[in-house]
Amino acid sequence: MGLKELGAAIAGHSTRVRVAFCGFDLWLEVFASGRVRLQPYKKGGTPAEDGDEGILVPMPVVGDGVVISFDPTLPPDGFRLAP
């Protein structure tokens, strides 16, 4: 599997994907793609909006706010999607 398969799985998922858990090699491939941006999140795990105060944590996201996360239990090129 690779970046194209991950993108197709996200696009074809029946519900909105909020997190893509990736094996190490795929995680590296996603970050090397140049499509990852940092989006601030606030307490409760919701995306921050302009003017939000308090502790904001930058999370790596792609597309429409899909958080990219490393999962060491997956095969190097594997992934798992979560709503």
Protein backbone atom coordinates (compact mmCIF):
# COMPACT_ATOMS: atom_id res chain seq x y z
CA MET A 1 0.00 0.00 0.00
CA GLY A 2 1.02 3.57 -0.41
CA LEU A 3 -0.02 7.18 -0.54
CA LYS A 4 -2.43 6.68 -3.47
CA GLU A 5 -4.23 3.84 -1.72
CA LEU A 6 -4.53 5.89 1.47
CA GLY A 7 -6.00 8.83 -0.45
CA ALA A 8 -8.46 6.57 -2.29
CA ALA A 9 -9.53 4.92 0.98
CA ILE A 10 -10.14 8.31 2.62
CA ALA A 11 -12.09 9.58 -0.40
CA GLY A 12 -14.14 6.40 -0.68
CA HIS A 13 -14.92 5.98 3.02
CA SER A 14 -18.64 5.89 3.85
CA THR A 15 -18.29 8.34 6.77
CA ARG A 16 -16.04 11.35 7.26
CA VAL A 17 -12.54 10.25 8.21
CA ARG A 18 -11.03 12.22 11.09
CA VAL A 19 -7.83 10.21 11.70
CA ALA A 20 -5.57 8.12 9.50
CA PHE A 21 -3.29 5.83 11.51
CA CYS A 22 -0.25 4.91 9.41
CA GLY A 23 2.59 2.42 9.64
CA PHE A 24 6.03 4.01 9.79
CA ASP A 25 6.97 3.88 6.08
CA LEU A 26 3.57 5.23 4.99
CA TRP A 27 3.70 7.90 7.72
CA LEU A 28 7.06 9.06 6.30
CA GLU A 29 5.66 9.01 2.76
CA VAL A 30 2.69 11.18 3.80
CA PHE A 31 4.98 13.74 5.46
CA ALA A 32 7.33 13.76 2.46
CA SER A 33 4.41 14.41 0.08
CA GLY A 34 4.27 18.12 0.95
CA ARG A 35 0.52 17.91 1.62
CA VAL A 36 0.72 17.96 5.41
CA ARG A 37 -0.06 21.16 7.26
CA LEU A 38 -0.32 21.91 10.97
CA GLN A 39 -3.78 22.75 12.27
CA PRO A 40 -4.27 23.90 15.87
CA TYR A 41 -6.60 21.86 18.08
CA LYS A 42 -8.05 22.90 21.42
CA LYS A 43 -9.04 20.99 24.53
CA GLY A 44 -11.57 18.30 23.73
CA GLY A 45 -9.93 17.49 20.39
CA THR A 46 -11.80 20.02 18.27
CA PRO A 47 -10.12 22.18 15.64
CA ALA A 48 -9.40 25.69 16.87
CA GLU A 49 -10.89 28.69 15.12
CA ASP A 50 -9.47 32.20 14.77
CA GLY A 51 -9.55 33.94 18.11
CA ASP A 52 -9.64 30.78 20.24
CA GLU A 53 -7.53 31.13 23.35
CA GLY A 54 -6.00 28.70 25.78
CA ILE A 55 -3.74 25.79 25.03
CA LEU A 56 -3.69 25.02 21.32
CA VAL A 57 -1.84 21.97 20.03
CA PRO A 58 -0.69 21.83 16.39
CA MET A 59 -1.66 18.52 14.78
CA PRO A 60 -0.51 17.31 11.33
CA VAL A 61 -3.47 17.14 8.95
CA VAL A 62 -4.13 16.52 5.26
CA GLY A 63 -7.10 17.37 3.10
CA ASP A 64 -10.23 18.37 4.97
CA GLY A 65 -8.69 18.08 8.45
CA VAL A 66 -7.73 14.39 8.51
CA VAL A 67 -5.20 14.02 11.33
CA ILE A 68 -2.19 11.90 10.40
CA SER A 69 -0.93 9.67 13.20
CA PHE A 70 1.80 7.05 13.49
CA ASP A 71 0.73 3.62 14.76
CA PRO A 72 3.65 1.29 15.53
CA THR A 73 1.35 -1.76 15.65
CA LEU A 74 0.62 -1.52 11.91
CA PRO A 75 2.79 -2.98 9.15
CA PRO A 76 5.21 -0.36 7.71
CA ASP A 77 2.94 0.39 4.73
CA GLY A 78 -0.40 -0.29 6.46
CA PHE A 79 -3.08 2.12 7.58
CA ARG A 80 -6.33 2.25 9.54
CA LEU A 81 -9.00 4.96 9.23
CA ALA A 82 -11.17 6.21 12.08
CA PRO A 83 -14.24 8.45 12.17
